[in-house]
């Protein structure tokens, strides 16, 4: 009887811990979205590679740090940008990698995060979307480019980007229509 209770207790504990692990956000370069702060990223990542101030992000209203990725140990990484929200919490990370690393990158990310969508044609634009907790990961490899983008975004930053982009597109279409 006691043995059964212990087994149930450990099973419940295991499910709780695994659920908490799945609830965590994506953590590119060891920096968890929505958890890491500007100061932490500057200290931890900035201790390995040069990071410079890249202004204010128009979607999050927060600071940005940018570097070339040297010293981070990620093959082919040519640019990395950290985006923070107005409270200095990490809201996004943009990485530029060689396009030929799309499939290995997708495979590695699929092992860590839940794959939501993937379009990988033999020729053409390749893209994928993954999810983890309150964050999404997007891979975008345009057909005629030699580079691809890997975007780690909190859901709130992604929504702000989509809303702003939609508003800008609508305003542009209206300006264009007004010219006729």
C-alpha atoms as a PDB file:
ATOM      1  CA  UNK A   1       0.000   0.000   0.000  1.00  0.00           C
ATOM      2  CA  UNK A   2       2.749   2.435   0.975  1.00  0.00           C
ATOM      3  CA  UNK A   3       4.720   1.423  -2.123  1.00  0.00           C
ATOM      4  CA  UNK A   4       1.760   2.323  -4.393  1.00  0.00           C
ATOM      5  CA  UNK A   5       1.440   5.721  -2.721  1.00  0.00           C
ATOM      6  CA  UNK A   6       5.146   6.402  -3.268  1.00  0.00           C
ATOM      7  CA  UNK A   7       4.877   5.402  -6.924  1.00  0.00           C
ATOM      8  CA  UNK A   8       1.877   7.706  -7.386  1.00  0.00           C
ATOM      9  CA  UNK A   9       3.688  10.534  -5.591  1.00  0.00           C
ATOM     10  CA  UNK A  10       6.783  10.191  -7.800  1.00  0.00           C
ATOM     11  CA  UNK A  11       4.645   9.966 -10.943  1.00  0.00           C
ATOM     12  CA  UNK A  12       2.767  13.119  -9.955  1.00  0.00           C
ATOM     13  CA  UNK A  13       6.025  14.894  -9.128  1.00  0.00           C
ATOM     14  CA  UNK A  14       7.517  13.820 -12.465  1.00  0.00           C
ATOM     15  CA  UNK A  15       4.508  15.094 -14.411  1.00  0.00           C
ATOM     16  CA  UNK A  16       4.619  18.410 -12.551  1.00  0.00           C
ATOM     17  CA  UNK A  17       8.324  18.898 -13.215  1.00  0.00           C
ATOM     18  CA  UNK A  18       8.012  17.933 -16.892  1.00  0.00           C
ATOM     19  CA  UNK A  19       5.033  20.315 -17.260  1.00  0.00           C
ATOM     20  CA  UNK A  20       7.079  23.141 -15.727  1.00  0.00           C
ATOM     21  CA  UNK A  21       9.978  22.377 -18.057  1.00  0.00           C
ATOM     22  CA  UNK A  22       7.668  22.574 -21.067  1.00  0.00           C
ATOM     23  CA  UNK A  23       6.215  25.865 -19.839  1.00  0.00           C
ATOM     24  CA  UNK A  24       9.607  27.610 -19.938  1.00  0.00           C
ATOM     25  CA  UNK A  25      10.226  29.953 -22.841  1.00  0.00           C
ATOM     26  CA  UNK A  26      12.821  29.529 -25.553  1.00  0.00           C
ATOM     27  CA  UNK A  27      16.338  30.370 -24.384  1.00  0.00           C
ATOM     28  CA  UNK A  28      18.601  31.250 -27.319  1.00  0.00           C
ATOM     29  CA  UNK A  29      22.270  31.399 -26.332  1.00  0.00           C
ATOM     30  CA  UNK A  30      21.209  30.540 -22.772  1.00  0.00           C
ATOM     31  CA  UNK A  31      19.079  33.686 -22.366  1.00  0.00           C
ATOM     32  CA  UNK A  32      15.420  32.880 -21.664  1.00  0.00           C
ATOM     33  CA  UNK A  33      12.878  35.154 -23.316  1.00  0.00           C
ATOM     34  CA  UNK A  34      10.756  37.038 -20.807  1.00  0.00           C
ATOM     35  CA  UNK A  35      13.188  36.193 -17.991  1.00  0.00           C
ATOM     36  CA  UNK A  36      16.668  37.466 -18.905  1.00  0.00           C
ATOM     37  CA  UNK A  37      17.305  41.175 -18.385  1.00  0.00           C
ATOM     38  CA  UNK A  38      19.311  43.729 -20.360  1.00  0.00           C
ATOM     39  CA  UNK A  39      22.025  43.691 -17.671  1.00  0.00           C
ATOM     40  CA  UNK A  40      22.243  39.874 -17.661  1.00  0.00           C
ATOM     41  CA  UNK A  41      22.537  39.634 -21.447  1.00  0.00           C
ATOM     42  CA  UNK A  42      25.110  42.426 -21.544  1.00  0.00           C
ATOM     43  CA  UNK A  43      27.173  40.685 -18.861  1.00  0.00           C
ATOM     44  CA  UNK A  44      26.778  37.036 -19.907  1.00  0.00           C
ATOM     45  CA  UNK A  45      26.730  37.303 -23.703  1.00  0.00           C
ATOM     46  CA  UNK A  46      28.743  40.530 -23.810  1.00  0.00           C
ATOM     47  CA  UNK A  47      31.500  38.709 -21.936  1.00  0.00           C
ATOM     48  CA  UNK A  48      31.908  36.362 -24.920  1.00  0.00           C
ATOM     49  CA  UNK A  49      31.342  38.694 -27.885  1.00  0.00           C
ATOM     50  CA  UNK A  50      31.262  42.424 -28.490  1.00  0.00           C
ATOM     51  CA  UNK A  51      27.762  43.862 -28.155  1.00  0.00           C
ATOM     52  CA  UNK A  52      26.899  47.441 -29.021  1.00  0.00           C
ATOM     53  CA  UNK A  53      23.839  49.586 -28.457  1.00  0.00           C
ATOM     54  CA  UNK A  54      21.528  49.325 -31.480  1.00  0.00           C
ATOM     55  CA  UNK A  55      18.940  51.917 -30.484  1.00  0.00           C
ATOM     56  CA  UNK A  56      15.299  51.418 -29.545  1.00  0.00           C
ATOM     57  CA  UNK A  57      13.045  48.800 -31.084  1.00  0.00           C
ATOM     58  CA  UNK A  58       9.931  50.352 -32.611  1.00  0.00           C
ATOM     59  CA  UNK A  59       7.765  47.331 -31.799  1.00  0.00           C
ATOM     60  CA  UNK A  60       8.750  46.710 -28.161  1.00  0.00           C
ATOM     61  CA  UNK A  61       9.772  50.225 -27.154  1.00  0.00           C
ATOM     62  CA  UNK A  62      12.870  48.743 -25.521  1.00  0.00           C
ATOM     63  CA  UNK A  63      16.608  48.799 -26.056  1.00  0.00           C
ATOM     64  CA  UNK A  64      18.515  46.603 -28.493  1.00  0.00           C
ATOM     65  CA  UNK A  65      22.015  45.123 -28.391  1.00  0.00           C
ATOM     66  CA  UNK A  66      23.758  43.922 -31.534  1.00  0.00           C
ATOM     67  CA  UNK A  67      26.909  41.956 -32.293  1.00  0.00           C
ATOM     68  CA  UNK A  68      28.552  39.788 -34.921  1.00  0.00           C
ATOM     69  CA  UNK A  69      28.412  36.609 -32.842  1.00  0.00           C
ATOM     70  CA  UNK A  70      32.166  35.979 -32.755  1.00  0.00           C
ATOM     71  CA  UNK A  71      33.060  33.994 -29.652  1.00  0.00           C
ATOM     72  CA  UNK A  72      29.598  32.509 -29.114  1.00  0.00           C
ATOM     73  CA  UNK A  73      30.522  29.130 -30.600  1.00  0.00           C
ATOM     74  CA  UNK A  74      27.715  29.020 -33.149  1.00  0.00           C
ATOM     75  CA  UNK A  75      29.049  28.089 -36.585  1.00  0.00           C
ATOM     76  CA  UNK A  76      28.139  30.583 -39.289  1.00  0.00           C
ATOM     77  CA  UNK A  77      26.486  33.126 -36.987  1.00  0.00           C
ATOM     78  CA  UNK A  78      27.180  36.484 -38.645  1.00  0.00           C
ATOM     79  CA  UNK A  79      24.857  38.769 -36.671  1.00  0.00           C
ATOM     80  CA  UNK A  80      22.832  38.635 -33.477  1.00  0.00           C
ATOM     81  CA  UNK A  81      20.419  41.257 -32.142  1.00  0.00           C
ATOM     82  CA  UNK A  82      18.845  41.155 -28.689  1.00  0.00           C
ATOM     83  CA  UNK A  83      15.538  43.029 -28.347  1.00  0.00           C
ATOM     84  CA  UNK A  84      14.239  44.101 -24.945  1.00  0.00           C
ATOM     85  CA  UNK A  85      10.853  45.414 -23.871  1.00  0.00           C
ATOM     86  CA  UNK A  86      10.254  48.693 -22.032  1.00  0.00           C
ATOM     87  CA  UNK A  87      10.998  46.954 -18.692  1.00  0.00           C
ATOM     88  CA  UNK A  88      14.417  45.714 -19.936  1.00  0.00           C
ATOM     89  CA  UNK A  89      13.263  42.076 -20.196  1.00  0.00           C
ATOM     90  CA  UNK A  90      14.468  40.066 -23.185  1.00  0.00           C
ATOM     91  CA  UNK A  91      11.636  39.991 -25.743  1.00  0.00           C
ATOM     92  CA  UNK A  92      13.402  38.765 -28.871  1.00  0.00           C
ATOM     93  CA  UNK A  93      16.612  37.537 -30.458  1.00  0.00           C
ATOM     94  CA  UNK A  94      17.362  37.758 -34.180  1.00  0.00           C
ATOM     95  CA  UNK A  95      20.176  35.650 -35.636  1.00  0.00           C
ATOM     96  CA  UNK A  96      21.591  35.652 -39.147  1.00  0.00           C
ATOM     97  CA  UNK A  97      23.050  32.347 -40.341  1.00  0.00           C
ATOM     98  CA  UNK A  98      24.047  30.851 -43.706  1.00  0.00           C
ATOM     99  CA  UNK A  99      21.027  29.588 -45.641  1.00  0.00           C
ATOM    100  CA  UNK A 100      22.586  26.154 -46.141  1.00  0.00           C
ATOM    101  CA  UNK A 101      22.239  25.543 -42.396  1.00  0.00           C
ATOM    102  CA  UNK A 102      18.411  25.682 -42.560  1.00  0.00           C
ATOM    103  CA  UNK A 103      17.750  21.936 -42.341  1.00  0.00           C
ATOM    104  CA  UNK A 104      20.282  21.192 -39.560  1.00  0.00           C
ATOM    105  CA  UNK A 105      19.035  24.225 -37.617  1.00  0.00           C
ATOM    106  CA  UNK A 106      15.412  23.120 -37.994  1.00  0.00           C
ATOM    107  CA  UNK A 107      16.337  19.596 -36.884  1.00  0.00           C
ATOM    108  CA  UNK A 108      18.142  20.899 -33.789  1.00  0.00           C
ATOM    109  CA  UNK A 109      15.314  23.274 -32.870  1.00  0.00           C
ATOM    110  CA  UNK A 110      12.657  20.590 -33.470  1.00  0.00           C
ATOM    111  CA  UNK A 111      14.386  18.420 -30.878  1.00  0.00           C
ATOM    112  CA  UNK A 112      14.005  21.206 -28.272  1.00  0.00           C
ATOM    113  CA  UNK A 113      10.759  22.944 -29.213  1.00  0.00           C
ATOM    114  CA  UNK A 114       7.339  22.015 -30.586  1.00  0.00           C
ATOM    115  CA  UNK A 115       7.167  22.298 -34.390  1.00  0.00           C
ATOM    116  CA  UNK A 116       4.005  24.162 -35.434  1.00  0.00           C
ATOM    117  CA  UNK A 117       4.565  24.681 -39.166  1.00  0.00           C
ATOM    118  CA  UNK A 118       7.250  23.885 -41.703  1.00  0.00           C
ATOM    119  CA  UNK A 119       7.592  24.624 -45.427  1.00  0.00           C
ATOM    120  CA  UNK A 120      10.814  23.222 -46.868  1.00  0.00           C
ATOM    121  CA  UNK A 121      10.526  23.017 -50.670  1.00  0.00           C
ATOM    122  CA  UNK A 122      13.322  21.713 -52.878  1.00  0.00           C
ATOM    123  CA  UNK A 123      13.470  25.178 -54.483  1.00  0.00           C
ATOM    124  CA  UNK A 124      11.906  28.327 -53.054  1.00  0.00           C
ATOM    125  CA  UNK A 125      11.400  30.074 -49.751  1.00  0.00           C
ATOM    126  CA  UNK A 126      11.858  27.827 -46.720  1.00  0.00           C
ATOM    127  CA  UNK A 127      10.265  28.636 -43.383  1.00  0.00           C
ATOM    128  CA  UNK A 128       9.323  27.057 -40.086  1.00  0.00           C
ATOM    129  CA  UNK A 129       7.603  28.038 -36.870  1.00  0.00           C
ATOM    130  CA  UNK A 130       8.127  26.439 -33.490  1.00  0.00           C
ATOM    131  CA  UNK A 131       6.674  27.147 -30.068  1.00  0.00           C
ATOM    132  CA  UNK A 132       7.813  26.949 -26.460  1.00  0.00           C
ATOM    133  CA  UNK A 133       5.906  28.398 -23.510  1.00  0.00           C
ATOM    134  CA  UNK A 134       5.125  32.073 -24.196  1.00  0.00           C
ATOM    135  CA  UNK A 135       7.553  32.258 -27.111  1.00  0.00           C
ATOM    136  CA  UNK A 136       7.781  31.407 -30.777  1.00  0.00           C
ATOM    137  CA  UNK A 137      10.744  30.617 -32.969  1.00  0.00           C
ATOM    138  CA  UNK A 138      10.638  31.458 -36.672  1.00  0.00           C
ATOM    139  CA  UNK A 139      13.078  30.376 -39.356  1.00  0.00           C
ATOM    140  CA  UNK A 140      13.016  32.235 -42.657  1.00  0.00           C
ATOM    141  CA  UNK A 141      15.257  31.360 -45.605  1.00  0.00           C
ATOM    142  CA  UNK A 142      14.331  33.413 -48.694  1.00  0.00           C
ATOM    143  CA  UNK A 143      14.905  31.675 -52.032  1.00  0.00           C
ATOM    144  CA  UNK A 144      17.335  34.166 -53.570  1.00  0.00           C
ATOM    145  CA  UNK A 145      19.308  34.856 -50.396  1.00  0.00           C
ATOM    146  CA  UNK A 146      22.479  33.293 -49.066  1.00  0.00           C
ATOM    147  CA  UNK A 147      21.363  33.978 -45.492  1.00  0.00           C
ATOM    148  CA  UNK A 148      18.526  32.928 -43.244  1.00  0.00           C
ATOM    149  CA  UNK A 149      16.996  34.516 -40.174  1.00  0.00           C
ATOM    150  CA  UNK A 150      16.208  32.746 -36.932  1.00  0.00           C
ATOM    151  CA  UNK A 151      13.832  34.809 -34.797  1.00  0.00           C
ATOM    152  CA  UNK A 152      13.032  34.082 -31.165  1.00  0.00           C
ATOM    153  CA  UNK A 153      10.103  36.249 -30.039  1.00  0.00           C
ATOM    154  CA  UNK A 154       7.796  36.499 -27.066  1.00  0.00           C
ATOM    155  CA  UNK A 155       4.166  36.225 -28.104  1.00  0.00           C
ATOM    156  CA  UNK A 156       3.616  39.873 -27.130  1.00  0.00           C
ATOM    157  CA  UNK A 157       6.490  41.099 -29.342  1.00  0.00           C
ATOM    158  CA  UNK A 158       5.254  38.948 -32.223  1.00  0.00           C
ATOM    159  CA  UNK A 159       1.734  40.380 -31.867  1.00  0.00           C
ATOM    160  CA  UNK A 160       3.059  43.957 -31.660  1.00  0.00           C
ATOM    161  CA  UNK A 161       5.084  43.347 -34.835  1.00  0.00           C
ATOM    162  CA  UNK A 162       2.071  41.919 -36.674  1.00  0.00           C
ATOM    163  CA  UNK A 163      -0.221  44.769 -35.576  1.00  0.00           C
ATOM    164  CA  UNK A 164       2.305  47.472 -36.476  1.00  0.00           C
ATOM    165  CA  UNK A 165       3.098  45.829 -39.818  1.00  0.00           C
ATOM    166  CA  UNK A 166      -0.605  45.558 -40.622  1.00  0.00           C
ATOM    167  CA  UNK A 167      -1.171  49.224 -39.724  1.00  0.00           C
ATOM    168  CA  UNK A 168       1.805  50.316 -41.843  1.00  0.00           C
ATOM    169  CA  UNK A 169       0.633  48.195 -44.781  1.00  0.00           C
ATOM    170  CA  UNK A 170      -2.883  49.679 -44.553  1.00  0.00           C
ATOM    171  CA  UNK A 171      -1.505  53.232 -44.384  1.00  0.00           C
ATOM    172  CA  UNK A 172       0.765  52.575 -47.379  1.00  0.00           C
ATOM    173  CA  UNK A 173      -2.138  51.163 -49.416  1.00  0.00           C
ATOM    174  CA  UNK A 174      -4.249  54.205 -48.515  1.00  0.00           C
ATOM    175  CA  UNK A 175      -1.458  56.611 -49.550  1.00  0.00           C
ATOM    176  CA  UNK A 176      -1.063  54.703 -52.807  1.00  0.00           C
ATOM    177  CA  UNK A 177      -4.818  54.778 -53.481  1.00  0.00           C
ATOM    178  CA  UNK A 178      -4.949  58.517 -52.705  1.00  0.00           C
ATOM    179  CA  UNK A 179      -2.402  59.160 -55.467  1.00  0.00           C
ATOM    180  CA  UNK A 180      -4.805  57.932 -58.158  1.00  0.00           C
END
